[in-house]
């Protein structure tokens, strides 16, 4: 699943009991898929476990995601074009997300359960872009591009994970901090910049 099913947080941090809010067709379709999986567990005892990653990032990620978008533009352009800079996200490095899937698959007595896979730490997109620019080591400016803004009622303003259930039941915890994860991602993208159409807004 995805943290997007929660929509804009109604509580300071989001645990698995947080209401589901379909603020976009993407999140609504994920909510529907979650409920179908839940129904097969309830009706037929299908051994289902649902995991909800919070903003996975890392090497090989598409430029549809914000971190590769920032990195590629910071490397190649004089200006970084972004959407809303005030939204808050909980970014989880891909290795940790994968480990969360494995823990969910291998743990005992968790059928029918749902687990958040997030770090429990959050950052605004504006502060994230400043951090990446500093790491890339270029002098670029950041501009809000109106074409990249989500519709107001669809924008998810804040996603911050409570991962205590995954820690307790799956024995999972994130091991890669944002700074280390960004360093790994920047290094990979520098070596594979030709894989990206830099500055193109990917929908």
N, C-alpha and C. Protein backbone atom coordinates (compact mmCIF):
# COMPACT_ATOMS: atom_id res chain seq x y z
N UNK A 1 0.85 -1.18 0.00
CA UNK A 1 0.00 0.00 0.00
C UNK A 1 0.89 1.24 0.00
N UNK A 2 0.42 2.32 0.58
CA UNK A 2 1.15 3.58 0.57
C UNK A 2 0.64 4.49 1.68
N UNK A 3 1.50 5.35 2.17
CA UNK A 3 1.08 6.33 3.17
C UNK A 3 0.07 7.32 2.61
N UNK A 4 -0.01 7.42 1.30
CA UNK A 4 -0.97 8.35 0.69
C UNK A 4 -2.41 8.02 1.07
N UNK A 5 -2.69 6.79 1.49
CA UNK A 5 -4.07 6.45 1.86
C UNK A 5 -4.54 7.25 3.07
N UNK A 6 -3.61 7.78 3.86
CA UNK A 6 -4.00 8.54 5.05
C UNK A 6 -4.40 9.98 4.72
N UNK A 7 -3.98 10.48 3.57
CA UNK A 7 -4.24 11.88 3.25
C UNK A 7 -3.51 12.78 4.24
N UNK A 8 -3.89 14.06 4.24
CA UNK A 8 -3.26 15.00 5.17
C UNK A 8 -3.52 14.56 6.61
N UNK A 9 -2.45 14.50 7.40
CA UNK A 9 -2.54 13.96 8.75
C UNK A 9 -3.54 14.74 9.60
N UNK A 10 -4.38 14.00 10.32
CA UNK A 10 -5.32 14.58 11.27
C UNK A 10 -4.76 14.57 12.68
N UNK A 11 -3.63 13.89 12.88
CA UNK A 11 -2.95 13.79 14.17
C UNK A 11 -1.48 14.14 13.95
N UNK A 12 -0.75 14.38 15.04
CA UNK A 12 0.64 14.82 14.90
C UNK A 12 1.49 13.78 14.18
N UNK A 13 1.31 12.51 14.50
CA UNK A 13 1.93 11.42 13.76
C UNK A 13 0.84 10.43 13.39
N UNK A 14 1.11 9.62 12.38
CA UNK A 14 0.10 8.74 11.81
C UNK A 14 0.37 7.31 12.22
N UNK A 15 -0.56 6.70 12.96
CA UNK A 15 -0.48 5.26 13.19
C UNK A 15 -1.49 4.56 12.29
N UNK A 16 -1.53 3.25 12.38
CA UNK A 16 -2.35 2.46 11.44
C UNK A 16 -3.84 2.64 11.64
N UNK A 17 -4.26 3.24 12.75
CA UNK A 17 -5.69 3.48 12.98
C UNK A 17 -6.16 4.81 12.42
N UNK A 18 -5.26 5.58 11.85
CA UNK A 18 -5.62 6.88 11.28
C UNK A 18 -6.66 6.70 10.18
N UNK A 19 -7.67 7.58 10.09
CA UNK A 19 -8.67 7.45 9.02
C UNK A 19 -8.03 7.46 7.64
N UNK A 20 -8.64 6.72 6.71
CA UNK A 20 -8.20 6.70 5.33
C UNK A 20 -8.94 7.78 4.56
N UNK A 21 -8.20 8.54 3.75
CA UNK A 21 -8.79 9.68 3.04
C UNK A 21 -8.36 9.65 1.58
N UNK A 22 -9.30 9.49 0.69
CA UNK A 22 -9.00 9.42 -0.73
C UNK A 22 -8.90 10.79 -1.35
N UNK A 23 -7.78 11.48 -1.13
CA UNK A 23 -7.63 12.85 -1.63
C UNK A 23 -7.18 12.91 -3.08
N UNK A 24 -6.91 11.76 -3.68
CA UNK A 24 -6.54 11.70 -5.10
C UNK A 24 -7.01 10.36 -5.64
N UNK A 25 -7.17 10.24 -6.95
CA UNK A 25 -7.52 8.93 -7.52
C UNK A 25 -6.49 7.86 -7.14
N UNK A 26 -5.22 8.24 -7.05
CA UNK A 26 -4.18 7.29 -6.65
C UNK A 26 -4.46 6.75 -5.26
N UNK A 27 -4.66 7.64 -4.28
CA UNK A 27 -4.89 7.17 -2.91
C UNK A 27 -6.20 6.40 -2.81
N UNK A 28 -7.22 6.84 -3.55
CA UNK A 28 -8.51 6.14 -3.50
C UNK A 28 -8.37 4.71 -4.03
N UNK A 29 -7.59 4.54 -5.10
CA UNK A 29 -7.40 3.20 -5.66
C UNK A 29 -6.63 2.31 -4.69
N UNK A 30 -5.67 2.90 -3.98
CA UNK A 30 -4.91 2.14 -2.99
C UNK A 30 -5.79 1.74 -1.80
N UNK A 31 -6.67 2.65 -1.38
CA UNK A 31 -7.61 2.32 -0.31
C UNK A 31 -8.50 1.16 -0.74
N UNK A 32 -8.98 1.21 -1.98
CA UNK A 32 -9.80 0.13 -2.49
C UNK A 32 -9.07 -1.20 -2.50
N UNK A 33 -7.79 -1.16 -2.91
CA UNK A 33 -6.99 -2.39 -2.94
C UNK A 33 -6.76 -2.92 -1.52
N UNK A 34 -6.50 -2.01 -0.59
CA UNK A 34 -6.33 -2.42 0.81
C UNK A 34 -7.57 -3.14 1.32
N UNK A 35 -8.72 -2.58 1.02
CA UNK A 35 -9.96 -3.14 1.53
C UNK A 35 -10.29 -4.47 0.85
N UNK A 36 -9.96 -4.61 -0.43
CA UNK A 36 -10.16 -5.90 -1.10
C UNK A 36 -9.27 -6.97 -0.45
N UNK A 37 -8.00 -6.62 -0.19
CA UNK A 37 -7.11 -7.58 0.47
C UNK A 37 -7.65 -7.94 1.85
N UNK A 38 -8.12 -6.94 2.58
CA UNK A 38 -8.69 -7.18 3.91
C UNK A 38 -9.90 -8.10 3.83
N UNK A 39 -10.73 -7.89 2.81
CA UNK A 39 -11.94 -8.70 2.68
C UNK A 39 -11.61 -10.16 2.41
N UNK A 40 -10.56 -10.43 1.63
CA UNK A 40 -10.18 -11.81 1.35
C UNK A 40 -9.58 -12.47 2.59
N UNK A 41 -8.91 -11.68 3.43
CA UNK A 41 -8.44 -12.22 4.70
C UNK A 41 -9.62 -12.59 5.59
N UNK A 42 -10.60 -11.68 5.68
CA UNK A 42 -11.75 -11.92 6.57
C UNK A 42 -12.65 -13.05 6.05
N UNK A 43 -12.89 -13.07 4.74
CA UNK A 43 -13.84 -14.02 4.18
C UNK A 43 -13.24 -15.41 3.95
N UNK A 44 -11.96 -15.45 3.54
CA UNK A 44 -11.37 -16.72 3.12
C UNK A 44 -10.09 -17.06 3.86
N UNK A 45 -9.75 -16.27 4.86
CA UNK A 45 -8.53 -16.48 5.64
C UNK A 45 -7.27 -16.49 4.76
N UNK A 46 -7.31 -15.73 3.68
CA UNK A 46 -6.10 -15.57 2.85
C UNK A 46 -5.04 -14.86 3.70
N UNK A 47 -3.83 -15.40 3.79
CA UNK A 47 -2.82 -14.82 4.67
C UNK A 47 -2.24 -13.52 4.10
N UNK A 48 -2.92 -12.45 4.40
CA UNK A 48 -2.58 -11.13 3.85
C UNK A 48 -1.94 -10.26 4.93
N UNK A 49 -0.88 -9.55 4.59
CA UNK A 49 -0.30 -8.50 5.43
C UNK A 49 -0.17 -7.25 4.56
N UNK A 50 -0.58 -6.12 5.10
CA UNK A 50 -0.50 -4.86 4.36
C UNK A 50 0.61 -4.00 4.94
N UNK A 51 1.49 -3.50 4.07
CA UNK A 51 2.52 -2.56 4.52
C UNK A 51 2.31 -1.23 3.80
N UNK A 52 2.53 -0.16 4.53
CA UNK A 52 2.34 1.19 3.99
C UNK A 52 3.65 1.96 4.07
N UNK A 53 4.47 1.92 3.01
CA UNK A 53 5.72 2.68 3.00
C UNK A 53 5.45 4.19 2.98
N UNK A 54 6.31 4.91 3.64
CA UNK A 54 6.26 6.37 3.63
C UNK A 54 7.38 6.90 2.74
N UNK A 55 7.02 7.37 1.56
CA UNK A 55 7.92 8.08 0.65
C UNK A 55 9.29 7.41 0.51
N UNK A 56 9.27 6.25 -0.09
CA UNK A 56 10.51 5.54 -0.38
C UNK A 56 11.33 6.30 -1.43
N UNK A 57 12.66 6.31 -1.24
CA UNK A 57 13.55 6.95 -2.21
C UNK A 57 14.84 6.16 -2.27
N UNK A 58 15.65 6.45 -3.30
CA UNK A 58 16.96 5.81 -3.41
C UNK A 58 17.39 5.69 -4.86
N UNK A 59 18.53 5.03 -5.11
CA UNK A 59 19.01 4.84 -6.47
C UNK A 59 17.95 4.19 -7.37
N UNK A 60 17.97 4.58 -8.63
CA UNK A 60 17.11 4.04 -9.69
C UNK A 60 15.68 4.57 -9.64
N UNK A 61 15.36 5.47 -8.74
CA UNK A 61 13.99 5.96 -8.66
C UNK A 61 13.67 6.89 -9.82
N UNK A 62 12.44 6.80 -10.30
CA UNK A 62 11.97 7.65 -11.38
C UNK A 62 11.95 9.11 -10.96
N UNK A 63 12.12 9.99 -11.94
CA UNK A 63 12.05 11.43 -11.68
C UNK A 63 10.62 11.91 -11.42
N UNK A 64 9.66 11.01 -11.43
CA UNK A 64 8.32 11.38 -10.97
C UNK A 64 8.34 11.70 -9.48
N UNK A 65 9.31 11.17 -8.76
CA UNK A 65 9.43 11.39 -7.32
C UNK A 65 10.26 12.65 -7.05
N UNK A 66 10.03 13.25 -5.89
CA UNK A 66 10.59 14.58 -5.64
C UNK A 66 12.10 14.56 -5.44
N UNK A 67 12.65 13.56 -4.78
CA UNK A 67 14.09 13.58 -4.52
C UNK A 67 14.90 13.49 -5.82
N UNK A 68 14.64 12.54 -6.72
CA UNK A 68 15.36 12.56 -8.00
C UNK A 68 15.11 13.84 -8.80
N UNK A 69 13.92 14.39 -8.69
CA UNK A 69 13.62 15.64 -9.39
C UNK A 69 14.54 16.76 -8.91
N UNK A 70 14.70 16.85 -7.59
CA UNK A 70 15.57 17.89 -7.03
C UNK A 70 17.02 17.63 -7.40
N UNK A 71 17.47 16.40 -7.22
CA UNK A 71 18.89 16.07 -7.46
C UNK A 71 19.27 16.33 -8.91
N UNK A 72 18.49 15.83 -9.85
CA UNK A 72 18.86 15.99 -11.27
C UNK A 72 18.91 17.45 -11.67
N UNK A 73 17.96 18.24 -11.19
CA UNK A 73 17.97 19.67 -11.53
C UNK A 73 19.11 20.40 -10.85
N UNK A 74 19.43 20.01 -9.61
CA UNK A 74 20.54 20.64 -8.90
C UNK A 74 21.87 20.37 -9.59
N UNK A 75 22.01 19.19 -10.18
CA UNK A 75 23.25 18.84 -10.88
C UNK A 75 23.35 19.56 -12.22
N UNK A 76 22.25 19.62 -12.95
CA UNK A 76 22.31 20.01 -14.36
C UNK A 76 21.81 21.42 -14.69
N UNK A 77 21.00 22.00 -13.81
CA UNK A 77 20.36 23.28 -14.14
C UNK A 77 20.76 24.39 -13.18
N UNK A 78 20.39 25.61 -13.53
CA UNK A 78 20.61 26.76 -12.65
C UNK A 78 19.43 27.01 -11.72
N UNK A 79 18.28 26.42 -12.07
CA UNK A 79 17.06 26.62 -11.29
C UNK A 79 16.39 25.28 -11.07
N UNK A 80 15.89 25.07 -9.87
CA UNK A 80 15.11 23.88 -9.56
C UNK A 80 13.64 24.28 -9.52
N UNK A 81 12.85 23.65 -10.35
CA UNK A 81 11.41 23.91 -10.41
C UNK A 81 10.68 22.84 -9.60
N UNK A 82 9.90 23.29 -8.62
CA UNK A 82 9.18 22.37 -7.74
C UNK A 82 7.75 22.83 -7.54
N UNK A 83 6.97 21.96 -6.90
CA UNK A 83 5.62 22.32 -6.50
C UNK A 83 5.64 22.94 -5.10
N UNK A 84 4.71 22.52 -4.26
CA UNK A 84 4.56 23.08 -2.92
C UNK A 84 5.81 22.79 -2.07
N UNK A 85 6.42 23.83 -1.53
CA UNK A 85 7.63 23.68 -0.73
C UNK A 85 7.33 23.46 0.75
N UNK A 86 6.08 23.66 1.15
CA UNK A 86 5.72 23.60 2.56
C UNK A 86 5.20 22.24 3.00
N UNK A 87 4.94 21.34 2.06
CA UNK A 87 4.46 20.02 2.44
C UNK A 87 5.55 19.27 3.21
N UNK A 88 5.13 18.40 4.10
CA UNK A 88 6.02 17.69 5.01
C UNK A 88 5.95 16.20 4.72
N UNK A 89 7.11 15.57 4.57
CA UNK A 89 7.16 14.16 4.23
C UNK A 89 8.16 13.41 5.12
N UNK A 90 7.91 12.12 5.26
CA UNK A 90 8.74 11.17 6.01
C UNK A 90 9.40 10.27 4.97
N UNK A 91 10.69 10.49 4.69
CA UNK A 91 11.38 9.78 3.61
C UNK A 91 12.11 8.56 4.15
N UNK A 92 11.88 7.42 3.48
CA UNK A 92 12.45 6.14 3.91
C UNK A 92 13.33 5.58 2.79
N UNK A 93 14.58 5.26 3.11
CA UNK A 93 15.49 4.75 2.10
C UNK A 93 15.05 3.38 1.63
N UNK A 94 15.28 3.10 0.36
CA UNK A 94 14.75 1.89 -0.29
C UNK A 94 15.18 0.62 0.43
N UNK A 95 16.41 0.56 0.93
CA UNK A 95 16.86 -0.65 1.63
C UNK A 95 15.98 -0.94 2.84
N UNK A 96 15.60 0.11 3.56
CA UNK A 96 14.75 -0.07 4.73
C UNK A 96 13.34 -0.51 4.33
N UNK A 97 12.83 0.06 3.25
CA UNK A 97 11.50 -0.35 2.79
C UNK A 97 11.49 -1.82 2.40
N UNK A 98 12.50 -2.23 1.64
CA UNK A 98 12.59 -3.64 1.22
C UNK A 98 12.68 -4.55 2.45
N UNK A 99 13.49 -4.15 3.42
CA UNK A 99 13.61 -4.96 4.63
C UNK A 99 12.28 -5.05 5.36
N UNK A 100 11.50 -3.97 5.31
CA UNK A 100 10.17 -4.01 5.92
C UNK A 100 9.25 -5.01 5.25
N UNK A 101 9.30 -5.09 3.92
CA UNK A 101 8.52 -6.09 3.20
C UNK A 101 8.93 -7.51 3.62
N UNK A 102 10.24 -7.73 3.72
CA UNK A 102 10.73 -9.05 4.09
C UNK A 102 10.31 -9.40 5.52
N UNK A 103 10.41 -8.44 6.43
CA UNK A 103 9.99 -8.70 7.81
C UNK A 103 8.51 -9.05 7.87
N UNK A 104 7.69 -8.33 7.09
CA UNK A 104 6.25 -8.61 7.08
C UNK A 104 5.96 -10.00 6.52
N UNK A 105 6.74 -10.40 5.51
CA UNK A 105 6.52 -11.71 4.88
C UNK A 105 6.95 -12.86 5.79
N UNK A 106 7.96 -12.62 6.62
CA UNK A 106 8.56 -13.71 7.39
C UNK A 106 8.09 -13.77 8.84
N UNK A 107 7.44 -12.73 9.32
CA UNK A 107 7.02 -12.70 10.73
C UNK A 107 5.81 -13.60 10.95
N UNK A 108 5.69 -14.11 12.17
CA UNK A 108 4.61 -15.02 12.53
C UNK A 108 3.44 -14.23 13.14
N UNK A 109 2.24 -14.74 12.90
CA UNK A 109 1.02 -14.24 13.54
C UNK A 109 0.75 -12.77 13.25
N UNK A 110 0.98 -12.35 12.00
CA UNK A 110 0.68 -10.97 11.63
C UNK A 110 -0.34 -10.90 10.48
N UNK A 111 -0.93 -12.04 10.13
CA UNK A 111 -1.90 -12.05 9.04
C UNK A 111 -3.07 -11.12 9.39
N UNK A 112 -3.50 -10.36 8.40
CA UNK A 112 -4.60 -9.43 8.60
C UNK A 112 -4.19 -8.09 9.18
N UNK A 113 -2.91 -7.94 9.50
CA UNK A 113 -2.43 -6.70 10.11
C UNK A 113 -1.90 -5.72 9.05
N UNK A 114 -1.82 -4.46 9.45
CA UNK A 114 -1.28 -3.40 8.61
C UNK A 114 -0.13 -2.73 9.36
N UNK A 115 0.95 -2.40 8.62
CA UNK A 115 2.13 -1.83 9.25
C UNK A 115 2.65 -0.63 8.46
N UNK A 116 2.93 0.45 9.18
CA UNK A 116 3.59 1.61 8.60
C UNK A 116 5.09 1.36 8.50
N UNK A 117 5.68 1.71 7.36
CA UNK A 117 7.12 1.64 7.17
C UNK A 117 7.64 3.05 6.92
N UNK A 118 7.86 3.79 7.99
CA UNK A 118 8.40 5.14 7.91
C UNK A 118 9.44 5.34 8.99
N UNK A 119 10.17 6.44 8.90
CA UNK A 119 11.27 6.67 9.83
C UNK A 119 10.81 7.34 11.12
N UNK A 120 9.67 8.01 11.08
CA UNK A 120 9.24 8.79 12.23
C UNK A 120 9.89 10.15 12.29
N UNK A 121 10.56 10.55 11.20
CA UNK A 121 11.16 11.88 11.09
C UNK A 121 10.67 12.51 9.79
N UNK A 122 10.46 13.82 9.81
CA UNK A 122 9.88 14.47 8.64
C UNK A 122 10.63 15.76 8.31
N UNK A 123 10.47 16.20 7.07
CA UNK A 123 11.14 17.41 6.59
C UNK A 123 10.25 18.06 5.53
N UNK A 124 10.27 19.39 5.48
CA UNK A 124 9.53 20.07 4.41
C UNK A 124 10.28 19.91 3.10
N UNK A 125 9.56 20.02 2.00
CA UNK A 125 10.21 19.92 0.69
C UNK A 125 11.18 21.07 0.49
N UNK A 126 10.86 22.24 1.02
CA UNK A 126 11.78 23.36 0.93
C UNK A 126 13.10 23.08 1.63
N UNK A 127 13.04 22.57 2.85
CA UNK A 127 14.26 22.23 3.59
C UNK A 127 15.01 21.07 2.95
N UNK A 128 14.26 20.13 2.39
CA UNK A 128 14.88 19.01 1.68
C UNK A 128 15.68 19.52 0.48
N UNK A 129 15.11 20.44 -0.27
CA UNK A 129 15.82 20.97 -1.45
C UNK A 129 17.08 21.70 -1.04
N UNK A 130 17.04 22.45 0.08
CA UNK A 130 18.24 23.13 0.57
C UNK A 130 19.32 22.14 0.95
N UNK A 131 18.92 21.06 1.61
CA UNK A 131 19.87 20.03 2.02
C UNK A 131 20.53 19.38 0.80
N UNK A 132 19.73 19.07 -0.22
CA UNK A 132 20.27 18.43 -1.43
C UNK A 132 21.20 19.38 -2.17
N UNK A 133 20.82 20.64 -2.29
CA UNK A 133 21.67 21.62 -2.98
C UNK A 133 23.03 21.71 -2.30
N UNK A 134 23.03 21.73 -0.97
CA UNK A 134 24.29 21.78 -0.23
C UNK A 134 25.13 20.54 -0.51
N UNK A 135 24.50 19.38 -0.56
CA UNK A 135 25.24 18.14 -0.80
C UNK A 135 25.78 18.08 -2.24
N UNK A 136 24.97 18.54 -3.20
CA UNK A 136 25.41 18.52 -4.60
C UNK A 136 26.55 19.51 -4.82
N UNK A 137 26.51 20.64 -4.07
CA UNK A 137 27.59 21.60 -4.13
C UNK A 137 27.51 22.59 -5.27
N UNK A 138 26.29 22.87 -5.73
CA UNK A 138 26.09 23.85 -6.80
C UNK A 138 25.32 25.05 -6.27
N UNK A 139 25.38 26.14 -7.02
CA UNK A 139 24.63 27.34 -6.67
C UNK A 139 23.41 27.42 -7.59
N UNK A 140 22.28 27.03 -7.06
CA UNK A 140 21.04 27.06 -7.84
C UNK A 140 19.95 27.70 -6.99
N UNK A 141 18.95 28.19 -7.65
CA UNK A 141 17.81 28.75 -6.94
C UNK A 141 16.61 27.82 -7.10
N UNK A 142 15.68 27.94 -6.18
CA UNK A 142 14.47 27.12 -6.20
C UNK A 142 13.27 28.01 -6.51
N UNK A 143 12.48 27.59 -7.47
CA UNK A 143 11.28 28.33 -7.84
C UNK A 143 10.07 27.40 -7.79
N UNK A 144 8.95 27.94 -7.32
CA UNK A 144 7.68 27.21 -7.36
C UNK A 144 7.10 27.32 -8.76
N UNK A 145 6.83 26.18 -9.34
CA UNK A 145 6.26 26.10 -10.69
C UNK A 145 4.78 25.75 -10.54
N UNK A 146 3.91 26.66 -10.96
CA UNK A 146 2.47 26.47 -10.77
C UNK A 146 1.97 25.18 -11.40
N UNK A 147 2.61 24.75 -12.49
CA UNK A 147 2.16 23.53 -13.16
C UNK A 147 2.44 22.28 -12.33
N UNK A 148 3.31 22.40 -11.32
CA UNK A 148 3.66 21.26 -10.48
C UNK A 148 2.85 21.23 -9.18
N UNK A 149 2.00 22.20 -8.96
CA UNK A 149 1.18 22.23 -7.75
C UNK A 149 -0.01 21.30 -7.88
N UNK A 150 -0.26 20.51 -6.85
CA UNK A 150 -1.45 19.66 -6.84
C UNK A 150 -2.67 20.52 -6.54
N UNK A 151 -3.86 20.10 -6.99
CA UNK A 151 -5.07 20.83 -6.62
C UNK A 151 -5.16 20.96 -5.10
N UNK A 152 -5.67 22.08 -4.63
CA UNK A 152 -5.63 22.39 -3.20
C UNK A 152 -6.22 21.30 -2.33
N UNK A 153 -7.38 20.78 -2.72
CA UNK A 153 -8.04 19.76 -1.89
C UNK A 153 -7.36 18.40 -2.01
N UNK A 154 -6.51 18.24 -3.03
CA UNK A 154 -5.82 16.97 -3.24
C UNK A 154 -4.44 16.95 -2.59
N UNK A 155 -3.90 18.12 -2.29
CA UNK A 155 -2.56 18.18 -1.70
C UNK A 155 -2.53 17.56 -0.31
N UNK A 156 -1.61 16.62 -0.12
CA UNK A 156 -1.41 16.00 1.19
C UNK A 156 -0.34 16.83 1.90
N UNK A 157 -0.74 17.55 2.92
CA UNK A 157 0.13 18.55 3.53
C UNK A 157 1.19 17.93 4.44
N UNK A 158 0.86 16.84 5.14
CA UNK A 158 1.82 16.31 6.11
C UNK A 158 1.65 14.81 6.25
N UNK A 159 2.76 14.08 6.11
CA UNK A 159 2.81 12.64 6.34
C UNK A 159 3.98 12.34 7.25
N UNK A 160 3.71 11.86 8.45
CA UNK A 160 4.75 11.52 9.42
C UNK A 160 4.35 10.23 10.11
N UNK A 161 5.20 9.22 10.00
CA UNK A 161 4.86 7.87 10.42
C UNK A 161 5.07 7.62 11.91
N UNK A 162 4.12 6.91 12.49
CA UNK A 162 4.34 6.21 13.75
C UNK A 162 4.65 4.77 13.38
N UNK A 163 5.91 4.36 13.54
CA UNK A 163 6.32 3.01 13.10
C UNK A 163 6.43 2.04 14.26
N UNK A 164 5.84 2.39 15.40
CA UNK A 164 6.03 1.56 16.60
C UNK A 164 5.44 0.16 16.44
N UNK A 165 4.36 0.02 15.68
CA UNK A 165 3.77 -1.31 15.50
C UNK A 165 4.71 -2.22 14.72
N UNK A 166 5.32 -1.68 13.66
CA UNK A 166 6.29 -2.48 12.89
C UNK A 166 7.50 -2.83 13.73
N UNK A 167 7.93 -1.92 14.58
CA UNK A 167 9.05 -2.22 15.47
C UNK A 167 8.70 -3.36 16.43
N UNK A 168 7.50 -3.28 17.00
CA UNK A 168 7.10 -4.26 18.02
C UNK A 168 6.76 -5.62 17.43
N UNK A 169 6.01 -5.63 16.33
CA UNK A 169 5.48 -6.89 15.81
C UNK A 169 6.38 -7.53 14.74
N UNK A 170 7.09 -6.69 13.98
CA UNK A 170 7.92 -7.22 12.89
C UNK A 170 9.41 -7.22 13.25
N UNK A 171 9.78 -6.53 14.30
CA UNK A 171 11.19 -6.38 14.61
C UNK A 171 11.91 -5.50 13.60
N UNK A 172 11.15 -4.61 12.94
CA UNK A 172 11.72 -3.76 11.89
C UNK A 172 12.01 -2.37 12.42
N UNK A 173 13.09 -1.79 11.96
CA UNK A 173 13.35 -0.39 12.23
C UNK A 173 14.24 0.15 11.12
N UNK A 174 14.08 1.43 10.77
CA UNK A 174 14.91 2.01 9.72
C UNK A 174 16.36 2.14 10.19
N UNK A 175 17.29 1.90 9.29
CA UNK A 175 18.71 1.94 9.63
C UNK A 175 19.49 2.99 8.85
N UNK A 176 18.91 3.54 7.79
CA UNK A 176 19.59 4.52 6.95
C UNK A 176 18.97 5.89 7.18
N UNK A 177 19.74 6.82 7.73
CA UNK A 177 19.25 8.17 7.95
C UNK A 177 19.15 8.95 6.65
N UNK A 178 18.47 10.07 6.70
CA UNK A 178 18.24 10.85 5.48
C UNK A 178 19.54 11.32 4.85
N UNK A 179 20.50 11.78 5.66
CA UNK A 179 21.75 12.28 5.09
C UNK A 179 22.50 11.18 4.35
N UNK A 180 22.61 10.01 4.96
CA UNK A 180 23.30 8.90 4.29
C UNK A 180 22.54 8.44 3.05
N UNK A 181 21.22 8.38 3.16
CA UNK A 181 20.42 7.96 2.02
C UNK A 181 20.52 8.93 0.86
N UNK A 182 20.53 10.21 1.15
CA UNK A 182 20.69 11.21 0.08
C UNK A 182 22.07 11.11 -0.56
N UNK A 183 23.10 10.89 0.25
CA UNK A 183 24.45 10.74 -0.31
C UNK A 183 24.51 9.57 -1.28
N UNK A 184 23.92 8.45 -0.91
CA UNK A 184 23.91 7.27 -1.79
C UNK A 184 23.13 7.56 -3.07
N UNK A 185 22.01 8.26 -2.93
CA UNK A 185 21.16 8.54 -4.08
C UNK A 185 21.82 9.54 -5.02
N UNK A 186 22.42 10.58 -4.46
CA UNK A 186 23.11 11.57 -5.29
C UNK A 186 24.25 10.93 -6.05
N UNK A 187 25.02 10.08 -5.38
CA UNK A 187 26.14 9.41 -6.04
C UNK A 187 25.66 8.58 -7.22
N UNK A 188 24.56 7.83 -7.03
CA UNK A 188 24.06 7.00 -8.13
C UNK A 188 23.56 7.86 -9.28
N UNK A 189 22.81 8.90 -8.97
CA UNK A 189 22.25 9.74 -10.03
C UNK A 189 23.35 10.47 -10.80
N UNK A 190 24.40 10.92 -10.13
CA UNK A 190 25.52 11.56 -10.84
C UNK A 190 26.09 10.62 -11.90
N UNK A 191 26.15 9.34 -11.57
CA UNK A 191 26.74 8.36 -12.50
C UNK A 191 25.75 7.89 -13.56
N UNK A 192 24.48 8.24 -13.42
CA UNK A 192 23.46 7.77 -14.35
C UNK A 192 22.52 8.89 -14.79
N UNK A 193 23.06 10.10 -14.87
CA UNK A 193 22.22 11.26 -15.20
C UNK A 193 21.58 11.11 -16.58
N UNK A 194 22.24 10.35 -17.47
CA UNK A 194 21.69 10.15 -18.81
C UNK A 194 20.40 9.34 -18.80
N UNK A 195 20.05 8.74 -17.67
CA UNK A 195 18.79 8.00 -17.55
C UNK A 195 17.60 8.93 -17.35
N UNK A 196 17.87 10.21 -17.13
CA UNK A 196 16.81 11.15 -16.77
C UNK A 196 16.64 12.23 -17.83
N UNK A 197 15.41 12.69 -18.00
CA UNK A 197 15.11 13.86 -18.81
C UNK A 197 15.02 15.03 -17.85
N UNK A 198 16.15 15.63 -17.59
CA UNK A 198 16.27 16.61 -16.51
C UNK A 198 15.36 17.80 -16.74
N UNK A 199 14.59 18.14 -15.72
CA UNK A 199 13.70 19.29 -15.78
C UNK A 199 12.33 19.00 -16.35
N UNK A 200 12.16 17.83 -16.98
CA UNK A 200 10.85 17.46 -17.52
C UNK A 200 9.94 17.05 -16.38
N UNK A 201 8.75 17.62 -16.37
CA UNK A 201 7.80 17.30 -15.31
C UNK A 201 7.14 15.98 -15.64
N UNK A 202 7.47 14.94 -14.87
CA UNK A 202 6.96 13.60 -15.11
C UNK A 202 5.64 13.41 -14.35
N UNK A 203 4.57 13.12 -15.07
CA UNK A 203 3.27 12.90 -14.42
C UNK A 203 3.05 11.41 -14.17
